[in-house]
Amino acid sequence: MRVSESFPGTGGAIAAARQVTGNFLRTTGARGAAVTDATVRDAMLVVSELVTNAVKHTDGPCGIELRIIGDAMAIAVWDTSPQPPLPREPDPARIGQHGMEIVSVLCGGFSVAQLPSGKQITANLPLNPPAA
C-alpha cells in the first residue's frame, strides 16, 4: 500500500500532509493492519516535522510518499533544495529546531537522497513499536 501527494511550498502543505497521513493509516487499519492511535499520532508528527522543514527552508513545492513495508511505514518527503537537513545536538534549553531530533527518536534515524531537482528524506516508522 502506498500514497503520494504533492503540495505547494506554503504553510497549508503541513496540515494537508498530516491529513493525508492520518487518512492513509486509518485506511490501512481498516484493511486489517494493526495501527494504533499512537502510531497515527507519531506518523503525523514525523510528516509534520519533515514537511515543515521543506516549507521553511525551500522556495518550491514539496511532496510526500507513504508506503507500508512489512511492519513499518516508510515516510518520504521531497523538496526542491539540495541542502540536507542539519541535525543539531540535543539541547533542552534550545527553543525550536528539534524536528530532526524528533524524527530520529521516533524512526531510529533517517536517510537523505539527492534528486535531480532537490532531495528526499526518508524515515521508517514502526507500525507497532515496542512498549516503553
N, C-alpha and C. Protein backbone atom coordinates (compact mmCIF):
# COMPACT_ATOMS: atom_id res chain seq x y z
N MET A 1 0.84 -1.18 0.00
CA MET A 1 0.00 0.00 0.00
C MET A 1 0.88 1.23 0.00
N ARG A 2 0.46 2.21 -0.76
CA ARG A 2 1.20 3.46 -0.82
C ARG A 2 0.29 4.60 -1.23
N VAL A 3 0.70 5.80 -0.89
CA VAL A 3 0.02 7.01 -1.33
C VAL A 3 1.09 8.08 -1.50
N SER A 4 0.89 8.95 -2.47
CA SER A 4 1.80 10.09 -2.63
C SER A 4 0.98 11.32 -2.97
N GLU A 5 1.53 12.46 -2.60
CA GLU A 5 0.83 13.72 -2.81
C GLU A 5 1.86 14.83 -2.91
N SER A 6 1.60 15.80 -3.77
CA SER A 6 2.45 16.99 -3.90
C SER A 6 1.71 18.18 -3.35
N PHE A 7 2.47 19.15 -2.85
CA PHE A 7 1.90 20.34 -2.23
C PHE A 7 2.66 21.58 -2.67
N PRO A 8 1.99 22.74 -2.70
CA PRO A 8 2.73 23.98 -2.92
C PRO A 8 3.59 24.23 -1.68
N GLY A 9 4.65 24.96 -1.82
CA GLY A 9 5.54 25.23 -0.70
C GLY A 9 5.02 26.29 0.22
N THR A 10 3.80 26.11 0.72
CA THR A 10 3.18 27.08 1.63
C THR A 10 2.82 26.38 2.94
N GLY A 11 2.48 27.18 3.93
CA GLY A 11 2.14 26.64 5.24
C GLY A 11 0.97 25.67 5.22
N GLY A 12 0.05 25.81 4.29
CA GLY A 12 -1.07 24.89 4.20
C GLY A 12 -0.65 23.47 3.87
N ALA A 13 0.55 23.31 3.31
CA ALA A 13 1.05 21.98 2.96
C ALA A 13 1.24 21.13 4.20
N ILE A 14 1.57 21.73 5.31
CA ILE A 14 1.85 20.98 6.54
C ILE A 14 0.58 20.29 7.04
N ALA A 15 -0.49 21.04 7.16
CA ALA A 15 -1.76 20.45 7.60
C ALA A 15 -2.28 19.44 6.58
N ALA A 16 -2.14 19.75 5.30
CA ALA A 16 -2.61 18.82 4.26
C ALA A 16 -1.84 17.51 4.32
N ALA A 17 -0.53 17.56 4.53
CA ALA A 17 0.28 16.35 4.61
C ALA A 17 -0.09 15.52 5.84
N ARG A 18 -0.37 16.19 6.96
CA ARG A 18 -0.82 15.47 8.16
C ARG A 18 -2.14 14.75 7.88
N GLN A 19 -3.05 15.43 7.18
CA GLN A 19 -4.34 14.83 6.88
C GLN A 19 -4.19 13.61 5.96
N VAL A 20 -3.35 13.71 4.95
CA VAL A 20 -3.09 12.58 4.05
C VAL A 20 -2.55 11.40 4.87
N THR A 21 -1.64 11.69 5.78
CA THR A 21 -1.03 10.65 6.61
C THR A 21 -2.06 9.96 7.49
N GLY A 22 -2.86 10.75 8.18
CA GLY A 22 -3.89 10.17 9.05
C GLY A 22 -4.88 9.32 8.26
N ASN A 23 -5.33 9.83 7.13
CA ASN A 23 -6.27 9.08 6.30
C ASN A 23 -5.65 7.78 5.79
N PHE A 24 -4.38 7.84 5.37
CA PHE A 24 -3.70 6.65 4.87
C PHE A 24 -3.62 5.58 5.95
N LEU A 25 -3.22 5.96 7.14
CA LEU A 25 -3.08 4.96 8.21
C LEU A 25 -4.43 4.44 8.69
N ARG A 26 -5.45 5.28 8.70
CA ARG A 26 -6.77 4.80 9.09
C ARG A 26 -7.31 3.81 8.05
N THR A 27 -7.03 4.07 6.78
CA THR A 27 -7.42 3.14 5.72
C THR A 27 -6.64 1.84 5.86
N THR A 28 -5.36 1.95 6.15
CA THR A 28 -4.53 0.76 6.36
C THR A 28 -5.09 -0.08 7.50
N GLY A 29 -5.45 0.59 8.59
CA GLY A 29 -6.02 -0.12 9.73
C GLY A 29 -7.35 -0.76 9.38
N ALA A 30 -8.13 -0.09 8.56
CA ALA A 30 -9.42 -0.65 8.15
C ALA A 30 -9.24 -1.88 7.28
N ARG A 31 -8.08 -2.01 6.65
CA ARG A 31 -7.80 -3.17 5.80
C ARG A 31 -7.14 -4.31 6.56
N GLY A 32 -7.13 -4.22 7.88
CA GLY A 32 -6.65 -5.34 8.67
C GLY A 32 -5.31 -5.16 9.35
N ALA A 33 -4.53 -4.17 8.97
CA ALA A 33 -3.25 -3.94 9.63
C ALA A 33 -3.51 -3.30 11.00
N ALA A 34 -2.78 -3.73 11.99
CA ALA A 34 -2.96 -3.18 13.33
C ALA A 34 -2.25 -1.83 13.41
N VAL A 35 -3.03 -0.77 13.46
CA VAL A 35 -2.47 0.58 13.55
C VAL A 35 -3.14 1.27 14.73
N THR A 36 -2.34 1.60 15.74
CA THR A 36 -2.88 2.23 16.94
C THR A 36 -3.02 3.74 16.75
N ASP A 37 -3.81 4.36 17.62
CA ASP A 37 -3.93 5.82 17.59
C ASP A 37 -2.58 6.48 17.84
N ALA A 38 -1.76 5.87 18.71
CA ALA A 38 -0.43 6.42 18.99
C ALA A 38 0.44 6.39 17.73
N THR A 39 0.35 5.33 16.95
CA THR A 39 1.12 5.25 15.71
C THR A 39 0.67 6.32 14.73
N VAL A 40 -0.63 6.54 14.64
CA VAL A 40 -1.16 7.59 13.75
C VAL A 40 -0.62 8.95 14.20
N ARG A 41 -0.65 9.22 15.49
CA ARG A 41 -0.12 10.50 16.01
C ARG A 41 1.36 10.64 15.71
N ASP A 42 2.14 9.57 15.95
CA ASP A 42 3.58 9.64 15.68
C ASP A 42 3.86 9.88 14.20
N ALA A 43 3.14 9.19 13.34
CA ALA A 43 3.33 9.36 11.89
C ALA A 43 2.99 10.78 11.46
N MET A 44 1.90 11.32 11.99
CA MET A 44 1.53 12.69 11.65
C MET A 44 2.57 13.69 12.15
N LEU A 45 3.16 13.42 13.30
CA LEU A 45 4.21 14.29 13.84
C LEU A 45 5.45 14.24 12.96
N VAL A 46 5.89 13.05 12.56
CA VAL A 46 7.06 12.92 11.69
C VAL A 46 6.83 13.65 10.37
N VAL A 47 5.68 13.41 9.75
CA VAL A 47 5.36 14.09 8.48
C VAL A 47 5.32 15.60 8.68
N SER A 48 4.71 16.03 9.77
CA SER A 48 4.63 17.47 10.04
C SER A 48 6.01 18.09 10.16
N GLU A 49 6.92 17.43 10.88
CA GLU A 49 8.28 17.98 11.05
C GLU A 49 9.01 18.04 9.71
N LEU A 50 8.91 16.97 8.92
CA LEU A 50 9.63 16.94 7.64
C LEU A 50 9.05 17.94 6.63
N VAL A 51 7.74 18.04 6.56
CA VAL A 51 7.13 18.99 5.63
C VAL A 51 7.35 20.42 6.10
N THR A 52 7.35 20.65 7.41
CA THR A 52 7.66 21.99 7.93
C THR A 52 9.04 22.43 7.46
N ASN A 53 10.03 21.52 7.55
CA ASN A 53 11.37 21.86 7.07
C ASN A 53 11.35 22.18 5.58
N ALA A 54 10.62 21.39 4.80
CA ALA A 54 10.56 21.62 3.36
C ALA A 54 9.96 23.00 3.05
N VAL A 55 8.89 23.36 3.75
CA VAL A 55 8.23 24.65 3.51
C VAL A 55 9.11 25.80 4.00
N LYS A 56 9.74 25.60 5.15
CA LYS A 56 10.52 26.67 5.78
C LYS A 56 11.84 26.95 5.07
N HIS A 57 12.47 25.91 4.52
CA HIS A 57 13.83 26.06 4.02
C HIS A 57 13.97 25.96 2.51
N THR A 58 12.85 25.92 1.77
CA THR A 58 12.92 25.88 0.32
C THR A 58 11.93 26.87 -0.26
N ASP A 59 12.07 27.13 -1.56
CA ASP A 59 11.17 28.07 -2.22
C ASP A 59 10.16 27.41 -3.14
N GLY A 60 10.23 26.09 -3.28
CA GLY A 60 9.37 25.42 -4.24
C GLY A 60 8.39 24.48 -3.60
N PRO A 61 7.79 23.64 -4.41
CA PRO A 61 6.83 22.67 -3.90
C PRO A 61 7.53 21.55 -3.13
N CYS A 62 6.73 20.72 -2.51
CA CYS A 62 7.24 19.55 -1.79
C CYS A 62 6.21 18.45 -1.93
N GLY A 63 6.56 17.27 -1.45
CA GLY A 63 5.62 16.17 -1.54
C GLY A 63 5.97 15.07 -0.57
N ILE A 64 5.02 14.17 -0.40
CA ILE A 64 5.22 13.01 0.47
C ILE A 64 4.88 11.74 -0.29
N GLU A 65 5.52 10.67 0.12
CA GLU A 65 5.13 9.33 -0.30
C GLU A 65 5.15 8.47 0.95
N LEU A 66 4.06 7.77 1.19
CA LEU A 66 3.91 6.90 2.34
C LEU A 66 3.71 5.49 1.83
N ARG A 67 4.48 4.54 2.38
CA ARG A 67 4.36 3.14 1.96
C ARG A 67 4.41 2.24 3.19
N ILE A 68 3.61 1.22 3.15
CA ILE A 68 3.69 0.19 4.19
C ILE A 68 4.66 -0.86 3.69
N ILE A 69 5.69 -1.11 4.49
CA ILE A 69 6.71 -2.11 4.16
C ILE A 69 6.84 -3.01 5.38
N GLY A 70 6.24 -4.19 5.29
CA GLY A 70 6.28 -5.10 6.44
C GLY A 70 5.57 -4.48 7.63
N ASP A 71 6.29 -4.36 8.74
CA ASP A 71 5.69 -3.82 9.96
C ASP A 71 6.11 -2.36 10.20
N ALA A 72 6.41 -1.64 9.11
CA ALA A 72 6.80 -0.23 9.23
C ALA A 72 6.15 0.59 8.11
N MET A 73 6.12 1.88 8.33
CA MET A 73 5.68 2.80 7.29
C MET A 73 6.88 3.63 6.87
N ALA A 74 7.21 3.58 5.58
CA ALA A 74 8.26 4.44 5.03
C ALA A 74 7.64 5.80 4.74
N ILE A 75 8.22 6.82 5.31
CA ILE A 75 7.76 8.20 5.12
C ILE A 75 8.85 8.91 4.34
N ALA A 76 8.53 9.32 3.12
CA ALA A 76 9.49 10.04 2.28
C ALA A 76 8.93 11.43 1.98
N VAL A 77 9.74 12.44 2.19
CA VAL A 77 9.36 13.82 1.88
C VAL A 77 10.43 14.39 0.97
N TRP A 78 9.98 14.95 -0.18
CA TRP A 78 10.92 15.56 -1.11
C TRP A 78 10.66 17.06 -1.16
N ASP A 79 11.72 17.79 -1.51
CA ASP A 79 11.59 19.23 -1.73
C ASP A 79 12.61 19.65 -2.78
N THR A 80 12.66 20.92 -3.07
CA THR A 80 13.47 21.42 -4.18
C THR A 80 14.85 21.92 -3.79
N SER A 81 15.23 21.75 -2.55
CA SER A 81 16.55 22.18 -2.12
C SER A 81 17.51 20.99 -2.06
N PRO A 82 18.73 21.15 -2.58
CA PRO A 82 19.69 20.06 -2.46
C PRO A 82 20.34 20.00 -1.07
N GLN A 83 20.13 21.01 -0.24
CA GLN A 83 20.75 21.06 1.08
C GLN A 83 20.15 20.02 2.02
N PRO A 84 20.97 19.14 2.59
CA PRO A 84 20.45 18.18 3.57
C PRO A 84 20.10 18.89 4.87
N PRO A 85 19.24 18.28 5.68
CA PRO A 85 18.94 18.88 6.98
C PRO A 85 20.19 18.85 7.85
N LEU A 86 20.28 19.78 8.75
CA LEU A 86 21.41 19.85 9.66
C LEU A 86 20.94 19.51 11.07
N PRO A 87 20.97 18.22 11.41
CA PRO A 87 20.55 17.86 12.77
C PRO A 87 21.44 18.52 13.80
N ARG A 88 20.85 18.94 14.87
CA ARG A 88 21.60 19.58 15.95
C ARG A 88 21.73 18.61 17.11
N GLU A 89 22.73 18.85 17.90
CA GLU A 89 22.89 18.06 19.12
C GLU A 89 21.71 18.37 20.05
N PRO A 90 21.25 17.39 20.80
CA PRO A 90 20.15 17.65 21.74
C PRO A 90 20.52 18.79 22.70
N ASP A 91 19.60 19.69 22.90
CA ASP A 91 19.81 20.82 23.79
C ASP A 91 18.45 21.20 24.38
N PRO A 92 18.17 20.75 25.61
CA PRO A 92 16.87 21.03 26.21
C PRO A 92 16.62 22.53 26.43
N ALA A 93 17.65 23.35 26.38
CA ALA A 93 17.46 24.78 26.58
C ALA A 93 17.11 25.50 25.28
N ARG A 94 17.34 24.84 24.13
CA ARG A 94 17.05 25.46 22.84
C ARG A 94 15.54 25.48 22.60
N ILE A 95 15.05 26.58 22.11
CA ILE A 95 13.64 26.70 21.76
C ILE A 95 13.52 26.50 20.26
N GLY A 96 12.78 25.48 19.87
CA GLY A 96 12.59 25.19 18.46
C GLY A 96 13.76 24.43 17.87
N GLN A 97 13.65 24.12 16.58
CA GLN A 97 14.67 23.43 15.80
C GLN A 97 15.00 22.04 16.35
N HIS A 98 13.96 21.33 16.80
CA HIS A 98 14.12 19.96 17.30
C HIS A 98 13.53 18.93 16.34
N GLY A 99 13.10 19.36 15.15
CA GLY A 99 12.38 18.49 14.24
C GLY A 99 13.10 17.22 13.86
N MET A 100 14.36 17.33 13.47
CA MET A 100 15.10 16.13 13.06
C MET A 100 15.44 15.25 14.24
N GLU A 101 15.55 15.84 15.43
CA GLU A 101 15.72 15.03 16.65
C GLU A 101 14.48 14.17 16.87
N ILE A 102 13.32 14.77 16.71
CA ILE A 102 12.05 14.05 16.88
C ILE A 102 11.96 12.91 15.87
N VAL A 103 12.26 13.21 14.61
CA VAL A 103 12.22 12.18 13.57
C VAL A 103 13.18 11.04 13.91
N SER A 104 14.37 11.38 14.35
CA SER A 104 15.36 10.35 14.69
C SER A 104 14.91 9.47 15.85
N VAL A 105 14.32 10.07 16.86
CA VAL A 105 13.87 9.30 18.01
C VAL A 105 12.72 8.37 17.63
N LEU A 106 11.74 8.89 16.91
CA LEU A 106 10.57 8.07 16.57
C LEU A 106 10.87 7.01 15.51
N CYS A 107 11.80 7.32 14.61
CA CYS A 107 12.06 6.43 13.47
C CYS A 107 13.42 5.73 13.53
N GLY A 108 14.22 6.04 14.51
CA GLY A 108 15.54 5.42 14.59
C GLY A 108 16.52 5.99 13.58
N GLY A 109 16.25 7.16 13.07
CA GLY A 109 17.13 7.80 12.10
C GLY A 109 16.39 8.11 10.81
N PHE A 110 17.16 8.57 9.83
CA PHE A 110 16.59 8.91 8.52
C PHE A 110 17.71 8.88 7.50
N SER A 111 17.34 8.86 6.24
CA SER A 111 18.33 8.92 5.16
C SER A 111 17.97 10.07 4.23
N VAL A 112 18.99 10.58 3.54
CA VAL A 112 18.81 11.68 2.59
C VAL A 112 19.33 11.22 1.24
N ALA A 113 18.51 11.37 0.22
CA ALA A 113 18.92 11.03 -1.15
C ALA A 113 18.82 12.29 -2.01
N GLN A 114 19.83 12.54 -2.80
CA GLN A 114 19.81 13.67 -3.71
C GLN A 114 18.95 13.31 -4.92
N LEU A 115 18.14 14.25 -5.36
CA LEU A 115 17.30 14.10 -6.54
C LEU A 115 17.76 15.12 -7.58
N PRO A 116 17.41 14.93 -8.84
CA PRO A 116 17.80 15.91 -9.86
C PRO A 116 17.33 17.33 -9.53
N SER A 117 16.20 17.44 -8.84
CA SER A 117 15.67 18.77 -8.54
C SER A 117 15.56 19.05 -7.05
N GLY A 118 16.39 18.40 -6.23
CA GLY A 118 16.34 18.65 -4.79
C GLY A 118 16.82 17.45 -4.00
N LYS A 119 16.04 17.08 -2.98
CA LYS A 119 16.41 15.94 -2.13
C LYS A 119 15.16 15.25 -1.64
N GLN A 120 15.36 14.05 -1.11
CA GLN A 120 14.28 13.30 -0.46
C GLN A 120 14.81 12.77 0.86
N ILE A 121 14.03 12.98 1.90
CA ILE A 121 14.35 12.47 3.22
C ILE A 121 13.39 11.32 3.51
N THR A 122 13.93 10.19 3.92
CA THR A 122 13.11 9.01 4.19
C THR A 122 13.38 8.52 5.61
N ALA A 123 12.29 8.23 6.31
CA ALA A 123 12.37 7.67 7.66
C ALA A 123 11.37 6.52 7.74
N ASN A 124 11.71 5.50 8.50
CA ASN A 124 10.83 4.34 8.66
C ASN A 124 10.27 4.31 10.08
N LEU A 125 8.96 4.44 10.17
CA LEU A 125 8.28 4.44 11.45
C LEU A 125 7.69 3.07 11.72
N PRO A 126 8.07 2.41 12.84
CA PRO A 126 7.47 1.12 13.16
C PRO A 126 5.96 1.29 13.37
N LEU A 127 5.17 0.37 12.81
CA LEU A 127 3.71 0.45 12.99
C LEU A 127 3.31 0.00 14.38
N ASN A 128 4.06 -0.91 14.97
CA ASN A 128 3.78 -1.41 16.31
C ASN A 128 5.05 -1.34 17.14
N PRO A 129 5.41 -0.14 17.58
CA PRO A 129 6.68 0.00 18.33
C PRO A 129 6.60 -0.77 19.65
N PRO A 130 7.76 -1.22 20.14
CA PRO A 130 7.76 -1.93 21.44
C PRO A 130 7.31 -1.00 22.56
N ALA A 131 6.68 -1.56 23.54
CA ALA A 131 6.22 -0.76 24.68
C ALA A 131 7.42 -0.22 25.44
N ALA A 132 7.28 1.02 25.90
CA ALA A 132 8.38 1.66 26.62
C ALA A 132 8.43 1.24 28.06
